[in-house]
Protein backbone atom coordinates (compact mmCIF):
# COMPACT_ATOMS: atom_id res chain seq x y z
CA MET A 1 -3.93 -12.19 10.62
CA ARG A 2 -2.45 -8.99 11.94
CA PRO A 3 -3.53 -6.12 10.03
CA ALA A 4 -0.60 -5.01 9.21
CA MET A 5 0.68 -7.81 7.49
CA LYS A 6 -2.90 -7.72 5.73
CA ARG A 7 -1.56 -4.85 4.06
CA ALA A 8 2.44 -5.79 3.86
CA LEU A 9 0.48 -8.70 1.42
CA ILE A 10 -1.63 -6.41 -0.42
CA CYS A 11 1.13 -4.12 -1.01
CA ALA A 12 3.20 -7.17 -2.30
CA THR A 13 0.41 -9.13 -4.67
CA VAL A 14 -0.38 -5.47 -6.40
CA PRO A 15 2.97 -5.50 -8.72
CA PHE A 16 2.51 -9.08 -9.24
CA LEU A 17 -0.97 -8.78 -10.16
CA ALA A 18 -0.11 -5.66 -12.67
CA LEU A 19 2.73 -8.10 -14.60
CA VAL A 20 0.86 -11.31 -14.48
CA ALA A 21 -3.08 -10.84 -14.45
CA ALA A 22 -3.39 -7.62 -16.28
CA LEU A 23 -0.69 -8.22 -18.79
CA PRO A 24 -3.62 -9.75 -21.10
CA PHE A 25 -5.56 -7.18 -20.90
CA VAL A 26 -3.18 -4.17 -21.79
CA ASN A 27 -1.32 -6.60 -24.48
CA ARG A 28 -1.73 -3.80 -27.29
CA LEU A 29 0.64 -2.38 -29.57
CA ARG A 30 -0.47 0.82 -30.18
CA PRO A 31 -0.50 3.62 -28.34
CA ILE A 32 3.19 4.53 -28.09
CA VAL A 33 4.36 5.58 -25.18
CA PHE A 34 7.97 7.28 -25.15
CA GLY A 35 8.52 5.38 -28.77
CA LEU A 36 7.47 1.89 -26.66
CA PRO A 37 4.58 -0.04 -27.22
CA PHE A 38 2.65 0.75 -24.46
CA VAL A 39 2.78 -3.48 -23.48
CA LEU A 40 6.46 -2.54 -22.88
CA PHE A 41 5.88 0.47 -21.42
CA TRP A 42 3.06 -1.46 -19.20
CA ILE A 43 5.82 -4.29 -18.03
CA LEU A 44 9.26 -1.92 -17.51
CA ALA A 45 6.76 1.21 -15.51
CA TRP A 46 5.54 -2.03 -13.23
CA VAL A 47 9.53 -3.01 -12.91
CA GLY A 48 10.19 0.53 -11.66
CA LEU A 49 7.14 0.63 -9.44
CA THR A 50 7.52 -2.81 -7.50
CA PRO A 51 10.20 -1.58 -5.14
CA VAL A 52 8.06 1.04 -4.24
CA PHE A 53 5.11 -1.34 -3.26
CA LEU A 54 7.87 -3.59 -1.83
CA PHE A 55 9.39 -1.06 0.51
CA LEU A 56 6.00 -0.42 1.61
CA ALA A 57 4.93 -3.57 2.53
CA ASP A 58 8.53 -3.09 4.93
CA ARG A 59 7.46 -0.51 6.21
CA PHE A 60 4.26 -1.52 7.36
CA LEU A 61 5.55 -4.77 9.14
CA ARG A 62 8.59 -3.01 10.48
CA LYS A 63 5.78 -0.65 12.42
CA GLU A 64 3.94 -2.88 14.43
CA ARG A 65 7.04 -4.83 15.31
CA ASP A 66 8.55 -1.11 15.95
CA ASP A 67 4.82 -0.42 18.04
CA LYS A 68 5.02 -4.30 19.61
CA ASP A 69 8.89 -3.89 20.71
CA GLY A 70 7.62 -0.13 22.42
CA GLU A 71 5.03 -1.86 24.61
CA ARG A 72 7.44 -4.17 26.04
């Protein structure tokens, strides 16, 4: 597997793991963050961070494709 593809997959997997695998560990009513229970804050934060990670994954793949096109 190409290095850029590995980095892109890792970037795409991080939000999934944070929202699915880590949820049982952060399922707490306290502390309260910005007036929200911690679990709700966690979910909302990751919903906001997911596009950042997907953007990074896209940049890794585009950079590799652009580098490959430049070699030709």
